[in-house]
Structure formats: structure tokens, C-alpha cells
Amino acid sequence: MAIHLTAAMRVIATGMTSVIRYVFTLTPTLIITKRAACWSLFIMALTGLSASSFAVFAADIASSHFAANSNSNSNSGSSDAIKSDVSHIQAPISKTIVTTIQQTWQLNLLKEALRRSDSGYKVQQMSTQMNQKRKVEEALAGTVDVFWSMTSKELEETVLPVRIPLFKGLLGNRLLIIRKADETRFANVKTMADFRQLKAGQNRYWPDATILEANGLPVVTSYQYTNLYPMLEGGRSDYLALGAQEIGEELASHPNPALKVDSHILLQYRSPAYFFVSPKRPELAAAILAGLESMVSDGSFDEMFNRELKIEQLYREAKFEQRVIIRLDTPDLSPLTPIERKELWLDLFSMQGAK
């Protein structure tokens, strides 16, 4: 082995490619697996290549080497054995996952689910702000490993959904930011026909826009969420519909004395939010699901959910049961949505509301 190492050092000047090619021309007297392991470690240490990079590069070099020597009978058995070994080189699963999720309930839940799955993953947050379309693109490219979003059939067919509703359906119970001057106008809404006289402001990338349009509601859209507020203030739209758990904080982040949270209407539709995982990381999706199911099973999901989102306080302040409920269909809802699992949802969908 020392002789071979010395010989390899002499050809380093010709580049890493030559070194790797030299590996596959070594005498077949060494056991194939031992030879592959020794030389893999040697070249990785020598060049600074990561294991995953080496696996890809070495497989490529091996392939070209075997093709060039396919007519040689003397080493055919050895070559086949080595080729078999190389084809089984697997890049190690990364234990660092990249996410766009910021410091929120969703991030805390993700970390706890991963801890429960005993997976050893470490979460790395991206500081770059991305719209929905960009998140999907980055997940497909493998740059982003996991993000969260309200679901749609298209999204579930593009990336990997973890079908545990992060907000137990709360995100589909929408309160409205309106102009204070229109408070009486909204108080007079009693039916769907009344509600259809009002224009919604929506982000074009959000599935909500499609849901509202499918239910015959007029919608004015923008590709930038922040544009929705001046559109509302200027009269281009009449309301912004946001999840009940987020609306107070959202309005506070866009303070305007002319705006308020409506106290009369609850806009309701099934729109679960899930963790979505890059198709390149199916093992990560499985780990998250295992952790979440464990939390649902022992009640810790509900305990953490109620505590972090202050659900009791939210129910008191929102007064859901005193509102006129405008219920919408979600035509794009996946048939795999776990609606039958009552433990995953709040009781809001069974409320009657004000008449």
C-alpha cells in the first residue's frame, strides 16, 4: 500500500483527475472494497473535497475510465467489481436543513418535531425574504429544504407536503382589515350576496386569491404584499382577509389610524398550512412527519399550540360565535387533506355564528 501511495504522490502535479484515474488502475490484488475506502479517504484529505462532491466526481471519472478500457479483457473482472462499488457510493444525508421560516410558532414547532424524531437535524435560517413562487423554486433547486405555506393542490404536487395542519385550521378563519369609515357597511353584511359587493385585496401568489375568485368574490391583487395596504387606504379594495391569529400583529406593523379590524364578519374556508419539503429531501419530510405525529399523539402539539398562539385569549377577543360567518368552498383542496382527523382541527368549522 505504501508503494501505491508514493506513486500516487508523484502524479499529484498532473491534477486531481489523474490521481483518481490512477486509483482505478491499481493492482487488483487488494480487496476492492478496502481499496476504494482507502483511496476515497486519501483523495478527500488531499484535495479538501467533501464526501458528496467526491462521490459525484469519482463516479464520473470511473465511468469514463471503464468506457475507455471496455475492450480490455485482462482487467474486465476487476473493472466490473470496481464499477459496482462506485455505483453504490452514496452522499451522506446532510444534518443541516435550510429554511425560510423565521422566529415564529412554525419554527418552534419544526424544531420540536425534529427533536422528537431523534434525527439530529440542525436548523439554519435564511435571512433572504422570498415570495411564495421563489420559495418553491428554491425548494426544487435544493437551496431551501423546508418552508411553510397555506396549501393548494398544485403546491402539493410540486413539493413534499407534511399533512399536519400547523394552525389546526385557524389560518382559514379570516378576519378583515377595513377602513374605519366602512364599519357600518360591513355591519350590514348578512349573506354571501351582501359580501359579494365588497372587493378583497389579495397577494397574487397566495392560494387565497384563487379561492376567493372561485367563490365569485371580486378580488384586486398585487404581487407585493406591502402594496395591499395603500390599495385598501386608497379605495381600490375594501378589505384584507388575514388569519385570525395574525391579523392584530399585521395591522400593528402597518399602523394607520384610518384602518381597523372588522368586528362583524368571519370569512371561513378550509385552507390548512403545512410544512413543505424539497423533493430532494424525502428523508427530512419523513422525520418531520414522525415528530409531529408523536406530538399529536401525546397531546404536546395542542399544549404548545394553545400556549404559543394564546388560543384562549384569541377566542375571547375575536368573539367568533358572534360574527356572521361567510363560508367558502375550497375547490382546489387535495383529497388527501386529513379532514376526518378531528384531533388536527379546531372546532370553528362547526360553529353557527350570528344570524
Protein backbone atom coordinates (compact mmCIF):
# COMPACT_ATOMS: atom_id res chain seq x y z
CA MET A 1 0.00 0.00 0.00
CA ALA A 2 2.88 2.37 0.82
CA ILE A 3 4.29 1.84 -2.65
CA HIS A 4 1.00 2.78 -4.23
CA LEU A 5 0.68 5.89 -2.05
CA THR A 6 4.17 7.01 -3.04
CA ALA A 7 3.36 6.51 -6.68
CA ALA A 8 0.18 8.49 -6.32
CA MET A 9 2.01 11.41 -4.71
CA ARG A 10 4.28 11.58 -7.75
CA VAL A 11 1.37 12.19 -10.09
CA ILE A 12 -0.37 14.86 -7.98
CA ALA A 13 1.22 17.52 -10.14
CA THR A 14 -0.89 16.31 -13.05
CA GLY A 15 -4.05 17.17 -11.09
CA MET A 16 -6.71 15.50 -9.04
CA THR A 17 -8.24 13.84 -12.09
CA SER A 18 -5.05 11.94 -12.72
CA VAL A 19 -4.90 10.81 -9.11
CA ILE A 20 -8.42 9.43 -9.22
CA ARG A 21 -7.83 7.72 -12.56
CA TYR A 22 -4.69 6.18 -11.09
CA VAL A 23 -6.77 4.68 -8.26
CA PHE A 24 -8.70 2.57 -10.72
CA THR A 25 -5.55 1.22 -12.42
CA LEU A 26 -4.03 -0.16 -9.21
CA THR A 27 -3.24 -3.83 -8.95
CA PRO A 28 -6.33 -5.94 -8.29
CA THR A 29 -4.53 -7.87 -5.56
CA LEU A 30 -6.05 -5.50 -3.00
CA ILE A 31 -9.60 -6.30 -1.92
CA ILE A 32 -11.87 -3.99 -3.93
CA THR A 33 -13.84 -2.51 -1.04
CA LYS A 34 -10.74 -1.87 1.05
CA ARG A 35 -9.01 -0.24 -1.91
CA ALA A 36 -11.99 2.03 -2.62
CA ALA A 37 -12.29 3.06 1.03
CA CYS A 38 -8.58 3.78 1.47
CA TRP A 39 -8.27 5.79 -1.70
CA SER A 40 -11.50 7.70 -1.08
CA LEU A 41 -10.22 8.89 2.29
CA PHE A 42 -6.77 9.63 0.87
CA ILE A 43 -8.03 11.77 -2.02
CA MET A 44 -10.63 13.59 0.10
CA ALA A 45 -7.96 14.51 2.63
CA LEU A 46 -5.54 15.52 -0.11
CA THR A 47 -7.94 17.70 -2.10
CA GLY A 48 -10.34 19.03 0.52
CA LEU A 49 -13.35 17.60 -1.35
CA SER A 50 -16.47 16.84 0.67
CA ALA A 51 -17.75 13.29 0.64
CA SER A 52 -20.71 14.19 -1.55
CA SER A 53 -18.54 16.06 -4.06
CA PHE A 54 -16.05 13.22 -4.19
CA ALA A 55 -18.79 10.66 -4.79
CA VAL A 56 -20.10 12.53 -7.80
CA PHE A 57 -16.68 13.32 -9.23
CA ALA A 58 -15.25 9.85 -8.65
CA ALA A 59 -18.26 8.16 -10.24
CA ASP A 60 -17.84 10.36 -13.30
CA ILE A 61 -14.14 9.62 -13.60
CA ALA A 62 -14.72 5.92 -13.05
CA SER A 63 -17.36 5.83 -15.73
CA SER A 64 -15.07 7.41 -18.31
CA HIS A 65 -12.21 5.15 -17.28
CA PHE A 66 -14.23 1.97 -17.73
CA ALA A 67 -15.60 3.15 -21.06
CA ALA A 68 -12.09 3.79 -22.32
CA ASN A 69 -10.97 0.34 -21.26
CA SER A 70 -14.08 -1.63 -22.18
CA ASN A 71 -12.15 -3.64 -24.82
CA SER A 72 -9.52 -4.78 -22.37
CA ASN A 73 -10.11 -8.35 -21.20
CA SER A 74 -7.31 -8.53 -18.71
CA ASN A 75 -8.98 -6.26 -16.14
CA SER A 76 -12.65 -6.84 -17.01
CA GLY A 77 -13.49 -8.69 -13.81
CA SER A 78 -11.72 -6.14 -11.64
CA SER A 79 -13.30 -3.23 -13.52
CA ASP A 80 -16.78 -4.64 -13.13
CA ALA A 81 -16.23 -5.05 -9.42
CA ILE A 82 -14.92 -1.51 -9.02
CA LYS A 83 -17.75 -0.11 -11.15
CA SER A 84 -20.21 -1.88 -8.89
CA ASP A 85 -18.57 -0.37 -5.83
CA VAL A 86 -18.62 3.15 -7.27
CA SER A 87 -22.28 2.89 -8.24
CA HIS A 88 -23.10 2.31 -4.59
CA ILE A 89 -21.28 5.37 -3.29
CA GLN A 90 -23.92 7.44 -1.51
CA ALA A 91 -23.54 11.04 -0.42
CA PRO A 92 -24.18 11.25 3.33
CA ILE A 93 -27.52 12.80 4.36
CA SER A 94 -26.95 16.37 5.47
CA LYS A 95 -27.99 17.05 9.04
CA THR A 96 -28.23 20.79 8.39
CA ILE A 97 -31.52 21.93 6.94
CA VAL A 98 -32.07 25.35 5.39
CA THR A 99 -35.40 27.06 5.94
CA THR A 100 -37.06 30.38 5.16
CA ILE A 101 -39.14 30.14 8.34
CA GLN A 102 -38.46 32.96 10.74
CA GLN A 103 -38.73 33.07 14.54
CA THR A 104 -42.37 32.09 14.87
CA TRP A 105 -44.65 29.35 16.16
CA GLN A 106 -43.91 27.46 12.96
CA LEU A 107 -40.15 27.49 13.56
CA ASN A 108 -40.53 26.37 17.17
CA LEU A 109 -42.83 23.58 16.04
CA LEU A 110 -40.38 22.48 13.35
CA LYS A 111 -37.51 22.30 15.83
CA GLU A 112 -39.57 20.35 18.33
CA ALA A 113 -40.80 17.91 15.68
CA LEU A 114 -37.22 17.26 14.57
CA ARG A 115 -36.15 16.78 18.17
CA ARG A 116 -38.97 14.28 18.66
CA SER A 117 -37.94 12.32 15.60
CA ASP A 118 -34.47 11.89 17.12
CA SER A 119 -32.99 12.85 13.77
CA GLY A 120 -30.07 15.05 14.80
CA TYR A 121 -31.01 17.78 12.30
CA LYS A 122 -29.81 21.35 12.84
CA VAL A 123 -31.93 24.22 11.51
CA GLN A 124 -30.29 27.05 9.58
CA GLN A 125 -32.48 30.07 8.85
CA MET A 126 -32.18 32.09 5.65
CA SER A 127 -32.40 35.86 6.08
CA THR A 128 -33.45 36.45 2.47
CA GLN A 129 -37.10 37.42 2.07
CA MET A 130 -38.87 35.37 -0.59
CA ASN A 131 -42.35 35.32 -2.05
CA GLN A 132 -44.21 32.05 -2.45
CA LYS A 133 -43.09 31.47 -6.03
CA ARG A 134 -39.43 31.94 -5.14
CA LYS A 135 -39.66 29.56 -2.17
CA VAL A 136 -40.98 26.82 -4.42
CA GLU A 137 -38.26 27.43 -6.99
CA GLU A 138 -35.54 27.31 -4.34
CA ALA A 139 -37.01 24.13 -2.84
CA LEU A 140 -36.99 22.46 -6.26
CA ALA A 141 -33.37 23.52 -6.70
CA GLY A 142 -32.48 22.16 -3.27
CA THR A 143 -31.36 25.56 -1.93
CA VAL A 144 -34.25 25.63 0.55
CA ASP A 145 -35.06 22.40 2.39
CA VAL A 146 -38.29 23.34 4.14
CA PHE A 147 -40.77 26.22 4.22
CA TRP A 148 -44.37 26.59 5.36
CA SER A 149 -47.35 27.70 3.35
CA MET A 150 -51.08 27.51 3.04
CA THR A 151 -51.64 24.54 0.78
CA SER A 152 -53.00 24.06 -2.71
CA LYS A 153 -53.30 21.01 -4.93
CA GLU A 154 -50.62 22.38 -7.25
CA LEU A 155 -48.23 23.04 -4.39
CA GLU A 156 -48.71 19.53 -3.01
CA GLU A 157 -47.91 18.07 -6.43
CA THR A 158 -44.75 20.17 -6.78
CA VAL A 159 -43.02 19.82 -3.42
CA LEU A 160 -43.46 17.39 -0.50
CA PRO A 161 -46.32 18.26 1.90
CA VAL A 162 -46.29 17.18 5.53
CA ARG A 163 -50.05 16.95 6.02
CA ILE A 164 -50.41 18.06 9.64
CA PRO A 165 -52.22 21.46 9.72
CA LEU A 166 -49.87 23.84 11.50
CA PHE A 167 -52.67 26.12 12.70
CA LYS A 168 -55.39 23.48 13.12
CA GLY A 169 -57.46 25.30 10.50
CA LEU A 170 -57.16 28.68 12.20
CA LEU A 171 -55.48 30.20 9.14
CA GLY A 172 -58.69 29.56 7.19
CA ASN A 173 -60.71 31.57 9.68
CA ARG A 174 -60.15 35.07 8.39
CA LEU A 175 -60.84 38.39 10.00
CA LEU A 176 -60.86 41.55 7.94
CA ILE A 177 -58.85 44.76 7.98
CA ILE A 178 -61.16 47.51 6.76
CA ARG A 179 -61.38 51.28 6.60
CA LYS A 180 -62.96 52.69 9.76
CA ALA A 181 -65.30 54.74 7.60
CA ASP A 182 -66.79 51.48 6.24
CA GLU A 183 -67.60 49.89 9.61
CA THR A 184 -71.37 50.31 9.20
CA ARG A 185 -71.20 48.95 5.66
CA PHE A 186 -69.61 45.72 6.91
CA ALA A 187 -72.00 45.51 9.87
CA ASN A 188 -74.89 45.31 7.39
CA VAL A 189 -73.50 42.23 5.65
CA LYS A 190 -75.77 39.24 6.37
CA THR A 191 -75.43 36.98 3.34
CA MET A 192 -72.99 35.91 0.67
CA ALA A 193 -74.79 38.19 -1.78
CA ASP A 194 -74.09 41.14 0.53
CA PHE A 195 -70.46 40.16 0.86
CA ARG A 196 -70.00 39.93 -2.89
CA GLN A 197 -70.49 43.69 -3.09
CA LEU A 198 -67.09 44.14 -1.41
CA LYS A 199 -63.68 43.85 -3.07
CA ALA A 200 -60.90 41.83 -1.49
CA GLY A 201 -57.24 42.80 -1.67
CA GLN A 202 -55.01 39.76 -2.08
CA ASN A 203 -51.45 38.71 -2.83
CA ARG A 204 -51.46 37.12 -6.27
CA TYR A 205 -49.09 34.35 -5.14
CA TRP A 206 -51.29 33.26 -2.24
CA PRO A 207 -53.78 30.38 -2.75
CA ASP A 208 -56.42 32.61 -1.08
CA ALA A 209 -56.77 34.71 -4.23
CA THR A 210 -57.80 31.64 -6.23
CA ILE A 211 -60.24 30.52 -3.51
CA LEU A 212 -61.98 33.90 -3.36
CA GLU A 213 -62.24 34.11 -7.14
CA ALA A 214 -63.61 30.56 -7.37
CA ASN A 215 -66.39 31.60 -4.99
CA GLY A 216 -67.36 34.55 -7.15
CA LEU A 217 -65.87 37.25 -4.93
CA PRO A 218 -64.28 40.30 -6.57
CA VAL A 219 -60.54 40.39 -5.96
CA VAL A 220 -57.87 43.02 -6.58
CA THR A 221 -54.37 41.55 -6.47
CA SER A 222 -50.78 42.64 -6.09
CA TYR A 223 -47.55 40.66 -6.38
CA GLN A 224 -46.21 42.56 -3.36
CA TYR A 225 -47.95 42.09 -0.01
CA THR A 226 -46.98 45.55 1.24
CA ASN A 227 -48.84 47.14 -1.68
CA LEU A 228 -52.15 45.83 -0.35
CA TYR A 229 -52.32 48.41 2.42
CA PRO A 230 -52.11 51.56 0.25
CA MET A 231 -54.55 49.86 -2.15
CA LEU A 232 -57.01 49.49 0.74
CA GLU A 233 -56.41 53.02 2.01
CA GLY A 234 -56.91 54.42 -1.48
CA GLY A 235 -60.20 52.60 -2.08
CA ARG A 236 -59.03 50.12 -4.73
CA SER A 237 -60.08 47.30 -2.39
CA ASP A 238 -62.44 47.15 0.60
CA TYR A 239 -60.80 44.63 2.92
CA LEU A 240 -57.76 42.47 3.58
CA ALA A 241 -58.56 38.99 4.91
CA LEU A 242 -55.91 37.60 7.27
CA GLY A 243 -55.74 34.64 9.61
CA ALA A 244 -57.32 35.39 13.00
CA GLN A 245 -54.07 34.55 14.77
CA GLU A 246 -52.02 37.03 12.73
CA ILE A 247 -54.27 39.97 11.98
CA GLY A 248 -53.55 42.04 15.09
CA GLU A 249 -49.79 41.87 14.62
CA GLU A 250 -50.12 42.55 10.89
CA LEU A 251 -52.18 45.69 11.41
CA ALA A 252 -49.75 46.89 14.07
CA SER A 253 -46.90 46.51 11.59
CA HIS A 254 -48.76 48.80 9.15
CA PRO A 255 -50.19 51.40 11.54
CA ASN A 256 -52.80 53.68 10.05
CA PRO A 257 -55.50 55.48 12.07
CA ALA A 258 -57.89 55.07 9.15
CA LEU A 259 -57.81 51.26 9.35
CA LYS A 260 -59.19 48.77 11.87
CA VAL A 261 -60.04 45.11 12.35
CA ASP A 262 -63.69 44.48 11.49
CA SER A 263 -65.75 43.07 14.37
CA HIS A 264 -68.71 41.63 12.42
CA ILE A 265 -67.58 39.08 9.82
CA LEU A 266 -65.72 35.77 9.88
CA LEU A 267 -64.59 34.62 6.43
CA GLN A 268 -64.10 30.86 6.63
CA TYR A 269 -62.69 28.19 4.32
CA ARG A 270 -60.55 25.08 4.61
CA SER A 271 -57.01 26.16 3.93
CA PRO A 272 -54.57 24.13 6.00
CA ALA A 273 -51.00 25.31 6.23
CA TYR A 274 -48.30 22.64 6.10
CA PHE A 275 -44.57 22.30 6.17
CA PHE A 276 -43.36 21.76 2.59
CA VAL A 277 -40.08 19.98 1.93
CA SER A 278 -37.79 19.95 -1.06
CA PRO A 279 -38.28 16.84 -3.25
CA LYS A 280 -34.56 16.33 -2.81
CA ARG A 281 -35.07 15.67 0.93
CA PRO A 282 -37.72 12.94 1.35
CA GLU A 283 -35.98 11.68 4.47
CA LEU A 284 -36.48 15.12 6.03
CA ALA A 285 -40.21 15.08 5.25
CA ALA A 286 -40.46 11.67 6.93
CA ALA A 287 -38.61 12.92 10.02
CA ILE A 288 -40.85 15.99 10.38
CA LEU A 289 -43.99 13.89 9.98
CA ALA A 290 -42.82 11.38 12.57
CA GLY A 291 -42.11 14.15 15.06
CA LEU A 292 -45.44 15.91 14.51
CA GLU A 293 -47.41 12.68 14.79
CA SER A 294 -45.66 11.96 18.06
CA MET A 295 -46.67 15.40 19.37
CA VAL A 296 -50.28 14.97 18.24
CA SER A 297 -50.45 11.56 19.86
CA ASP A 298 -49.28 12.63 23.33
CA GLY A 299 -51.12 15.98 23.35
CA SER A 300 -47.99 18.13 23.32
CA PHE A 301 -48.92 19.62 19.93
CA ASP A 302 -52.15 21.08 21.35
CA GLU A 303 -50.42 22.21 24.53
CA MET A 304 -47.70 24.05 22.60
CA PHE A 305 -50.21 25.42 20.08
CA ASN A 306 -52.54 26.81 22.74
CA ARG A 307 -49.68 28.33 24.71
CA GLU A 308 -47.72 29.94 21.89
CA LEU A 309 -50.72 31.25 19.93
CA LYS A 310 -52.67 32.21 23.08
CA ILE A 311 -55.77 30.48 21.80
CA GLU A 312 -57.99 31.14 24.82
CA GLN A 313 -57.26 34.86 24.63
CA LEU A 314 -57.83 34.83 20.86
CA TYR A 315 -61.27 33.22 21.25
CA ARG A 316 -62.25 35.82 23.86
CA GLU A 317 -61.12 38.76 21.77
CA ALA A 318 -62.27 37.57 18.33
CA LYS A 319 -65.75 36.51 19.53
CA PHE A 320 -66.06 34.08 16.63
CA GLU A 321 -69.50 32.84 17.61
CA GLN A 322 -70.93 36.38 17.49
CA ARG A 323 -69.87 37.02 13.90
CA VAL A 324 -71.67 36.46 10.63
CA ILE A 325 -69.85 33.52 9.05
CA ILE A 326 -69.25 33.67 5.30
CA ARG A 327 -68.28 30.13 4.35
CA LEU A 328 -66.43 29.47 1.11
CA ASP A 329 -65.69 26.28 -0.78
CA THR A 330 -62.09 25.32 -1.48
CA PRO A 331 -62.34 23.64 -4.89
CA ASP A 332 -58.59 23.06 -5.14
CA LEU A 333 -58.35 21.24 -1.81
CA SER A 334 -56.45 17.96 -2.12
CA PRO A 335 -58.50 14.81 -1.47
CA LEU A 336 -55.62 13.78 0.81
CA THR A 337 -56.40 16.60 3.26
CA PRO A 338 -56.90 14.86 6.64
CA ILE A 339 -60.31 16.43 7.32
CA GLU A 340 -61.58 13.26 9.01
CA ARG A 341 -58.91 13.51 11.73
CA LYS A 342 -60.80 15.67 14.20
CA GLU A 343 -57.81 15.96 16.52
CA LEU A 344 -55.99 18.05 13.90
CA TRP A 345 -58.61 20.82 13.71
CA LEU A 346 -60.20 23.47 15.91
CA ASP A 347 -63.97 23.44 16.41
CA LEU A 348 -64.52 26.66 14.44
CA PHE A 349 -65.84 24.88 11.34
CA SER A 350 -68.87 23.59 13.27
CA MET A 351 -69.91 26.97 14.68
CA GLN A 352 -73.20 28.52 13.60
CA GLY A 353 -72.26 32.16 14.15
CA ALA A 354 -74.63 35.14 14.25
CA LYS A 355 -77.84 35.12 12.21
